[in-house]
Amino acid sequence: LRTVIFFAGCPHHCKGCHNPESWNKENGKIM
């Protein structure tokens, strides 16, 4: 059982990515 922290920002831009909104660091909440 895990808690997952999804960070924003990704340079890889994999085709078929299940989380493309994660590519842009600006889409995250600053914490």
PDB file of all heavy atoms in Angstrom:
ATOM      1  N   LEU A   1       0.858  -1.181   0.000  1.00  0.00           N
ATOM      2  CA  LEU A   1       0.000   0.000   0.000  1.00  0.00           C
ATOM      3  C   LEU A   1       0.900   1.238   0.000  1.00  0.00           C
ATOM      4  O   LEU A   1       1.797   1.353   0.836  1.00  0.00           O
ATOM      5  CB  LEU A   1      -0.891  -0.027   1.245  1.00  0.00           C
ATOM      6  CG  LEU A   1      -2.090   0.889   1.281  1.00  0.00           C
ATOM      7  CD1 LEU A   1      -3.039   0.603   0.125  1.00  0.00           C
ATOM      8  CD2 LEU A   1      -2.828   0.717   2.610  1.00  0.00           C
ATOM      9  N   ARG A   2       0.658   2.166  -0.960  1.00  0.00           N
ATOM     10  CA  ARG A   2       1.580   3.284  -1.139  1.00  0.00           C
ATOM     11  C   ARG A   2       0.840   4.615  -1.274  1.00  0.00           C
ATOM     12  O   ARG A   2      -0.275   4.666  -1.769  1.00  0.00           O
ATOM     13  CB  ARG A   2       2.429   3.056  -2.389  1.00  0.00           C
ATOM     14  CG  ARG A   2       3.118   1.689  -2.382  1.00  0.00           C
ATOM     15  CD  ARG A   2       4.160   1.542  -3.448  1.00  0.00           C
ATOM     16  NE  ARG A   2       5.397   2.205  -3.069  1.00  0.00           N
ATOM     17  CZ  ARG A   2       6.296   1.692  -2.237  1.00  0.00           C
ATOM     18  NH1 ARG A   2       6.120   0.529  -1.692  1.00  0.00           N
ATOM     19  NH2 ARG A   2       7.388   2.356  -1.953  1.00  0.00           N
ATOM     20  N   THR A   3       1.508   5.669  -0.834  1.00  0.00           N
ATOM     21  CA  THR A   3       1.092   7.034  -1.126  1.00  0.00           C
ATOM     22  C   THR A   3       1.970   7.495  -2.280  1.00  0.00           C
ATOM     23  O   THR A   3       3.199   7.374  -2.216  1.00  0.00           O
ATOM     24  CB  THR A   3       1.287   7.947   0.099  1.00  0.00           C
ATOM     25  OG1 THR A   3       0.422   7.479   1.145  1.00  0.00           O
ATOM     26  CG2 THR A   3       0.946   9.388  -0.236  1.00  0.00           C
ATOM     27  N   VAL A   4       1.339   8.010  -3.346  1.00  0.00           N
ATOM     28  CA  VAL A   4       2.070   8.412  -4.541  1.00  0.00           C
ATOM     29  C   VAL A   4       2.061   9.930  -4.658  1.00  0.00           C
ATOM     30  O   VAL A   4       1.001  10.556  -4.637  1.00  0.00           O
ATOM     31  CB  VAL A   4       1.443   7.790  -5.814  1.00  0.00           C
ATOM     32  CG1 VAL A   4       2.304   8.108  -7.039  1.00  0.00           C
ATOM     33  CG2 VAL A   4       1.269   6.283  -5.658  1.00  0.00           C
ATOM     34  N   ILE A   5       3.256  10.490  -4.783  1.00  0.00           N
ATOM     35  CA  ILE A   5       3.386  11.931  -5.015  1.00  0.00           C
ATOM     36  C   ILE A   5       3.674  12.111  -6.501  1.00  0.00           C
ATOM     37  O   ILE A   5       4.708  11.644  -6.995  1.00  0.00           O
ATOM     38  CB  ILE A   5       4.515  12.549  -4.171  1.00  0.00           C
ATOM     39  CG1 ILE A   5       4.351  12.195  -2.692  1.00  0.00           C
ATOM     40  CG2 ILE A   5       4.549  14.068  -4.373  1.00  0.00           C
ATOM     41  CD1 ILE A   5       5.559  12.542  -1.833  1.00  0.00           C
ATOM     42  N   PHE A   6       2.739  12.740  -7.202  1.00  0.00           N
ATOM     43  CA  PHE A   6       2.896  13.010  -8.634  1.00  0.00           C
ATOM     44  C   PHE A   6       3.456  14.422  -8.797  1.00  0.00           C
ATOM     45  O   PHE A   6       2.756  15.401  -8.546  1.00  0.00           O
ATOM     46  CB  PHE A   6       1.560  12.889  -9.364  1.00  0.00           C
ATOM     47  CG  PHE A   6       1.040  11.475  -9.446  1.00  0.00           C
ATOM     48  CD1 PHE A   6       0.120  11.009  -8.524  1.00  0.00           C
ATOM     49  CD2 PHE A   6       1.472  10.620 -10.442  1.00  0.00           C
ATOM     50  CE1 PHE A   6      -0.360   9.711  -8.592  1.00  0.00           C
ATOM     51  CE2 PHE A   6       1.002   9.317 -10.527  1.00  0.00           C
ATOM     52  CZ  PHE A   6       0.086   8.856  -9.600  1.00  0.00           C
ATOM     53  N   PHE A   7       4.718  14.504  -9.196  1.00  0.00           N
ATOM     54  CA  PHE A   7       5.369  15.793  -9.401  1.00  0.00           C
ATOM     55  C   PHE A   7       5.108  16.298 -10.812  1.00  0.00           C
ATOM     56  O   PHE A   7       4.964  15.512 -11.749  1.00  0.00           O
ATOM     57  CB  PHE A   7       6.881  15.667  -9.160  1.00  0.00           C
ATOM     58  CG  PHE A   7       7.207  15.400  -7.716  1.00  0.00           C
ATOM     59  CD1 PHE A   7       7.388  14.105  -7.265  1.00  0.00           C
ATOM     60  CD2 PHE A   7       7.295  16.440  -6.812  1.00  0.00           C
ATOM     61  CE1 PHE A   7       7.664  13.848  -5.932  1.00  0.00           C
ATOM     62  CE2 PHE A   7       7.573  16.195  -5.480  1.00  0.00           C
ATOM     63  CZ  PHE A   7       7.755  14.897  -5.034  1.00  0.00           C
ATOM     64  N   ALA A   8       5.056  17.615 -10.960  1.00  0.00           N
ATOM     65  CA  ALA A   8       4.838  18.225 -12.271  1.00  0.00           C
ATOM     66  C   ALA A   8       6.183  18.516 -12.932  1.00  0.00           C
ATOM     67  O   ALA A   8       7.143  18.890 -12.260  1.00  0.00           O
ATOM     68  CB  ALA A   8       4.037  19.515 -12.122  1.00  0.00           C
ATOM     69  N   GLY A   9       6.214  18.328 -14.238  1.00  0.00           N
ATOM     70  CA  GLY A   9       7.411  18.594 -15.021  1.00  0.00           C
ATOM     71  C   GLY A   9       8.041  17.306 -15.513  1.00  0.00           C
ATOM     72  O   GLY A   9       8.366  16.431 -14.719  1.00  0.00           O
ATOM     73  N   CYS A  10       8.172  17.195 -16.836  1.00  0.00           N
ATOM     74  CA  CYS A  10       8.788  16.010 -17.427  1.00  0.00           C
ATOM     75  C   CYS A  10       9.302  16.358 -18.818  1.00  0.00           C
ATOM     76  O   CYS A  10       8.533  16.809 -19.662  1.00  0.00           O
ATOM     77  CB  CYS A  10       7.796  14.858 -17.508  1.00  0.00           C
ATOM     78  SG  CYS A  10       8.541  13.353 -18.168  1.00  0.00           S
ATOM     79  N   PRO A  11      10.585  16.111 -19.062  1.00  0.00           N
ATOM     80  CA  PRO A  11      11.156  16.427 -20.368  1.00  0.00           C
ATOM     81  C   PRO A  11      11.021  15.295 -21.392  1.00  0.00           C
ATOM     82  O   PRO A  11      11.355  15.472 -22.553  1.00  0.00           O
ATOM     83  CB  PRO A  11      12.633  16.658 -20.041  1.00  0.00           C
ATOM     84  CG  PRO A  11      12.886  15.705 -18.918  1.00  0.00           C
ATOM     85  CD  PRO A  11      11.616  15.696 -18.113  1.00  0.00           C
ATOM     86  N   HIS A  12      10.521  14.143 -20.986  1.00  0.00           N
ATOM     87  CA  HIS A  12      10.557  12.963 -21.856  1.00  0.00           C
ATOM     88  C   HIS A  12       9.453  12.934 -22.913  1.00  0.00           C
ATOM     89  O   HIS A  12       9.673  12.444 -24.017  1.00  0.00           O
ATOM     90  CB  HIS A  12      10.517  11.682 -21.013  1.00  0.00           C
ATOM     91  CG  HIS A  12      11.561  11.652 -19.955  1.00  0.00           C
ATOM     92  ND1 HIS A  12      12.911  11.578 -20.225  1.00  0.00           N
ATOM     93  CD2 HIS A  12      11.465  11.721 -18.606  1.00  0.00           C
ATOM     94  CE1 HIS A  12      13.590  11.581 -19.096  1.00  0.00           C
ATOM     95  NE2 HIS A  12      12.730  11.679 -18.099  1.00  0.00           N
ATOM     96  N   HIS A  13       8.261  13.406 -22.555  1.00  0.00           N
ATOM     97  CA  HIS A  13       7.121  13.486 -23.477  1.00  0.00           C
ATOM     98  C   HIS A  13       6.907  12.180 -24.235  1.00  0.00           C
ATOM     99  O   HIS A  13       6.814  12.156 -25.467  1.00  0.00           O
ATOM    100  CB  HIS A  13       7.287  14.648 -24.461  1.00  0.00           C
ATOM    101  CG  HIS A  13       7.413  15.976 -23.786  1.00  0.00           C
ATOM    102  ND1 HIS A  13       7.537  17.150 -24.480  1.00  0.00           N
ATOM    103  CD2 HIS A  13       7.431  16.330 -22.478  1.00  0.00           C
ATOM    104  CE1 HIS A  13       7.646  18.166 -23.630  1.00  0.00           C
ATOM    105  NE2 HIS A  13       7.574  17.679 -22.415  1.00  0.00           N
ATOM    106  N   CYS A  14       6.795  11.091 -23.508  1.00  0.00           N
ATOM    107  CA  CYS A  14       6.629   9.768 -24.117  1.00  0.00           C
ATOM    108  C   CYS A  14       5.296   9.669 -24.853  1.00  0.00           C
ATOM    109  O   CYS A  14       4.242  10.028 -24.304  1.00  0.00           O
ATOM    110  CB  CYS A  14       6.687   8.683 -23.047  1.00  0.00           C
ATOM    111  SG  CYS A  14       8.216   8.664 -22.088  1.00  0.00           S
ATOM    112  N   LYS A  15       5.339   9.167 -26.068  1.00  0.00           N
ATOM    113  CA  LYS A  15       4.119   8.936 -26.843  1.00  0.00           C
ATOM    114  C   LYS A  15       3.280   7.894 -26.098  1.00  0.00           C
ATOM    115  O   LYS A  15       3.784   6.849 -25.702  1.00  0.00           O
ATOM    116  CB  LYS A  15       4.485   8.422 -28.241  1.00  0.00           C
ATOM    117  CG  LYS A  15       3.294   8.219 -29.131  1.00  0.00           C
ATOM    118  CD  LYS A  15       3.696   7.765 -30.519  1.00  0.00           C
ATOM    119  CE  LYS A  15       2.451   7.591 -31.384  1.00  0.00           C
ATOM    120  NZ  LYS A  15       2.813   7.097 -32.715  1.00  0.00           N
ATOM    121  N   GLY A  16       2.005   8.217 -25.879  1.00  0.00           N
ATOM    122  CA  GLY A  16       1.119   7.313 -25.148  1.00  0.00           C
ATOM    123  C   GLY A  16       1.165   7.494 -23.640  1.00  0.00           C
ATOM    124  O   GLY A  16       0.557   6.711 -22.914  1.00  0.00           O
ATOM    125  N   CYS A  17       1.850   8.514 -23.168  1.00  0.00           N
ATOM    126  CA  CYS A  17       1.943   8.783 -21.728  1.00  0.00           C
ATOM    127  C   CYS A  17       0.543   8.818 -21.107  1.00  0.00           C
ATOM    128  O   CYS A  17      -0.374   9.430 -21.659  1.00  0.00           O
ATOM    129  CB  CYS A  17       2.644  10.126 -21.514  1.00  0.00           C
ATOM    130  SG  CYS A  17       2.695  10.672 -19.786  1.00  0.00           S
ATOM    131  N   HIS A  18       0.389   8.172 -19.949  1.00  0.00           N
ATOM    132  CA  HIS A  18      -0.919   8.165 -19.278  1.00  0.00           C
ATOM    133  C   HIS A  18      -1.164   9.450 -18.491  1.00  0.00           C
ATOM    134  O   HIS A  18      -2.240   9.648 -17.951  1.00  0.00           O
ATOM    135  CB  HIS A  18      -1.045   6.932 -18.370  1.00  0.00           C
ATOM    136  CG  HIS A  18      -0.300   7.037 -17.077  1.00  0.00           C
ATOM    137  ND1 HIS A  18       1.075   7.036 -17.009  1.00  0.00           N
ATOM    138  CD2 HIS A  18      -0.740   7.178 -15.808  1.00  0.00           C
ATOM    139  CE1 HIS A  18       1.436   7.149 -15.752  1.00  0.00           C
ATOM    140  NE2 HIS A  18       0.364   7.240 -15.000  1.00  0.00           N
ATOM    141  N   ASN A  19      -0.170  10.335 -18.439  1.00  0.00           N
ATOM    142  CA  ASN A  19      -0.291  11.533 -17.621  1.00  0.00           C
ATOM    143  C   ASN A  19       0.349  12.744 -18.321  1.00  0.00           C
ATOM    144  O   ASN A  19       1.216  13.399 -17.747  1.00  0.00           O
ATOM    145  CB  ASN A  19       0.401  11.249 -16.272  1.00  0.00           C
ATOM    146  CG  ASN A  19      -0.098  12.125 -15.158  1.00  0.00           C
ATOM    147  OD1 ASN A  19      -1.003  12.924 -15.335  1.00  0.00           O
ATOM    148  ND2 ASN A  19       0.512  11.985 -14.002  1.00  0.00           N
ATOM    149  N   PRO A  20      -0.051  13.058 -19.580  1.00  0.00           N
ATOM    150  CA  PRO A  20       0.618  14.139 -20.314  1.00  0.00           C
ATOM    151  C   PRO A  20       0.479  15.520 -19.681  1.00  0.00           C
ATOM    152  O   PRO A  20       1.327  16.389 -19.915  1.00  0.00           O
ATOM    153  CB  PRO A  20      -0.023  14.096 -21.705  1.00  0.00           C
ATOM    154  CG  PRO A  20      -1.294  13.349 -21.534  1.00  0.00           C
ATOM    155  CD  PRO A  20      -1.096  12.418 -20.376  1.00  0.00           C
ATOM    156  N   GLU A  21      -0.527  15.727 -18.843  1.00  0.00           N
ATOM    157  CA  GLU A  21      -0.647  17.022 -18.167  1.00  0.00           C
ATOM    158  C   GLU A  21       0.518  17.228 -17.193  1.00  0.00           C
ATOM    159  O   GLU A  21       0.799  18.350 -16.778  1.00  0.00           O
ATOM    160  CB  GLU A  21      -1.994  17.170 -17.448  1.00  0.00           C
ATOM    161  CG  GLU A  21      -2.241  16.211 -16.310  1.00  0.00           C
ATOM    162  CD  GLU A  21      -2.780  14.835 -16.700  1.00  0.00           C
ATOM    163  OE1 GLU A  21      -2.844  14.508 -17.899  1.00  0.00           O
ATOM    164  OE2 GLU A  21      -3.137  14.074 -15.789  1.00  0.00           O
ATOM    165  N   SER A  22       1.210  16.156 -16.865  1.00  0.00           N
ATOM    166  CA  SER A  22       2.341  16.245 -15.939  1.00  0.00           C
ATOM    167  C   SER A  22       3.600  16.802 -16.602  1.00  0.00           C
ATOM    168  O   SER A  22       4.562  17.134 -15.922  1.00  0.00           O
ATOM    169  CB  SER A  22       2.658  14.864 -15.355  1.00  0.00           C
ATOM    170  OG  SER A  22       3.223  14.026 -16.351  1.00  0.00           O
ATOM    171  N   TRP A  23       3.622  16.908 -17.914  1.00  0.00           N
ATOM    172  CA  TRP A  23       4.814  17.384 -18.607  1.00  0.00           C
ATOM    173  C   TRP A  23       5.162  18.813 -18.237  1.00  0.00           C
ATOM    174  O   TRP A  23       6.324  19.168 -18.155  1.00  0.00           O
ATOM    175  CB  TRP A  23       4.637  17.277 -20.118  1.00  0.00           C
ATOM    176  CG  TRP A  23       4.447  15.887 -20.637  1.00  0.00           C
ATOM    177  CD1 TRP A  23       4.578  14.714 -19.944  1.00  0.00           C
ATOM    178  CD2 TRP A  23       4.094  15.514 -21.968  1.00  0.00           C
ATOM    179  NE1 TRP A  23       4.330  13.648 -20.762  1.00  0.00           N
ATOM    180  CE2 TRP A  23       4.026  14.099 -22.008  1.00  0.00           C
ATOM    181  CE3 TRP A  23       3.816  16.238 -23.121  1.00  0.00           C
ATOM    182  CZ2 TRP A  23       3.706  13.410 -23.167  1.00  0.00           C
ATOM    183  CZ3 TRP A  23       3.493  15.538 -24.277  1.00  0.00           C
ATOM    184  CH2 TRP A  23       3.443  14.135 -24.299  1.00  0.00           C
ATOM    185  N   ASN A  24       4.140  19.646 -18.056  1.00  0.00           N
ATOM    186  CA  ASN A  24       4.348  21.070 -17.798  1.00  0.00           C
ATOM    187  C   ASN A  24       4.406  21.320 -16.287  1.00  0.00           C
ATOM    188  O   ASN A  24       3.426  21.089 -15.571  1.00  0.00           O
ATOM    189  CB  ASN A  24       3.220  21.883 -18.434  1.00  0.00           C
ATOM    190  CG  ASN A  24       3.429  23.369 -18.320  1.00  0.00           C
ATOM    191  OD1 ASN A  24       4.247  23.847 -17.533  1.00  0.00           O
ATOM    192  ND2 ASN A  24       2.680  24.121 -19.108  1.00  0.00           N
ATOM    193  N   LYS A  25       5.543  21.812 -15.821  1.00  0.00           N
ATOM    194  CA  LYS A  25       5.713  22.084 -14.394  1.00  0.00           C
ATOM    195  C   LYS A  25       4.683  23.089 -13.882  1.00  0.00           C
ATOM    196  O   LYS A  25       4.283  23.051 -12.722  1.00  0.00           O
ATOM    197  CB  LYS A  25       7.140  22.595 -14.148  1.00  0.00           C
ATOM    198  CG  LYS A  25       7.522  22.682 -12.705  1.00  0.00           C
ATOM    199  CD  LYS A  25       8.975  23.081 -12.547  1.00  0.00           C
ATOM    200  CE  LYS A  25       9.313  23.289 -11.090  1.00  0.00           C
ATOM    201  NZ  LYS A  25      10.696  23.737 -10.914  1.00  0.00           N
ATOM    202  N   GLU A  26       4.216  23.978 -14.773  1.00  0.00           N
ATOM    203  CA  GLU A  26       3.242  25.008 -14.397  1.00  0.00           C
ATOM    204  C   GLU A  26       1.864  24.406 -14.076  1.00  0.00           C
ATOM    205  O   GLU A  26       1.029  25.085 -13.475  1.00  0.00           O
ATOM    206  CB  GLU A  26       3.093  26.046 -15.508  1.00  0.00           C
ATOM    207  CG  GLU A  26       4.400  26.726 -15.906  1.00  0.00           C
ATOM    208  CD  GLU A  26       5.119  27.375 -14.733  1.00  0.00           C
ATOM    209  OE1 GLU A  26       4.471  28.096 -13.953  1.00  0.00           O
ATOM    210  OE2 GLU A  26       6.341  27.153 -14.602  1.00  0.00           O
ATOM    211  N   ASN A  27       1.621  23.171 -14.465  1.00  0.00           N
ATOM    212  CA  ASN A  27       0.329  22.529 -14.179  1.00  0.00           C
ATOM    213  C   ASN A  27       0.220  22.067 -12.729  1.00  0.00           C
ATOM    214  O   ASN A  27      -0.851  21.679 -12.289  1.00  0.00           O
ATOM    215  CB  ASN A  27       0.092  21.354 -15.124  1.00  0.00           C
ATOM    216  CG  ASN A  27      -0.227  21.803 -16.527  1.00  0.00           C
ATOM    217  OD1 ASN A  27      -0.587  22.950 -16.757  1.00  0.00           O
ATOM    218  ND2 ASN A  27      -0.078  20.908 -17.484  1.00  0.00           N
ATOM    219  N   GLY A  28       1.326  22.080 -12.016  1.00  0.00           N
ATOM    220  CA  GLY A  28       1.311  21.636 -10.627  1.00  0.00           C
ATOM    221  C   GLY A  28       0.975  22.756  -9.670  1.00  0.00           C
ATOM    222  O   GLY A  28       0.936  23.935 -10.024  1.00  0.00           O
ATOM    223  N   LYS A  29       0.736  22.364  -8.439  1.00  0.00           N
ATOM    224  CA  LYS A  29       0.498  23.312  -7.343  1.00  0.00           C
ATOM    225  C   LYS A  29       1.813  23.446  -6.584  1.00  0.00           C
ATOM    226  O   LYS A  29       2.442  22.441  -6.236  1.00  0.00           O
ATOM    227  CB  LYS A  29      -0.592  22.746  -6.423  1.00  0.00           C
ATOM    228  CG  LYS A  29      -0.843  23.565  -5.178  1.00  0.00           C
ATOM    229  CD  LYS A  29      -1.875  22.875  -4.284  1.00  0.00           C
ATOM    230  CE  LYS A  29      -2.000  23.615  -2.968  1.00  0.00           C
ATOM    231  NZ  LYS A  29      -2.818  22.871  -2.009  1.00  0.00           N
ATOM    232  N   ILE A  30       2.232  24.671  -6.340  1.00  0.00           N
ATOM    233  CA  ILE A  30       3.459  24.897  -5.576  1.00  0.00           C
ATOM    234  C   ILE A  30       3.165  24.618  -4.105  1.00  0.00           C
ATOM    235  O   ILE A  30       2.257  25.208  -3.507  1.00  0.00           O
ATOM    236  CB  ILE A  30       3.975  26.343  -5.756  1.00  0.00           C
ATOM    237  CG1 ILE A  30       4.254  26.622  -7.235  1.00  0.00           C
ATOM    238  CG2 ILE A  30       5.217  26.584  -4.903  1.00  0.00           C
ATOM    239  CD1 ILE A  30       5.301  25.735  -7.866  1.00  0.00           C
ATOM    240  N   MET A  31       3.938  23.672  -3.555  1.00  0.00           N
ATOM    241  CA  MET A  31       3.777  23.301  -2.146  1.00  0.00           C
ATOM    242  C   MET A  31       5.142  23.326  -1.473  1.00  0.00           C
ATOM    243  O   MET A  31       6.156  23.042  -2.112  1.00  0.00           O
ATOM    244  CB  MET A  31       3.189  21.881  -2.039  1.00  0.00           C
ATOM    245  CG  MET A  31       1.794  21.721  -2.604  1.00  0.00           C
ATOM    246  SD  MET A  31       1.216  19.985  -2.530  1.00  0.00           S
ATOM    247  CE  MET A  31       0.989  19.755  -0.767  1.00  0.00           C
TER     248      MET A  31
END
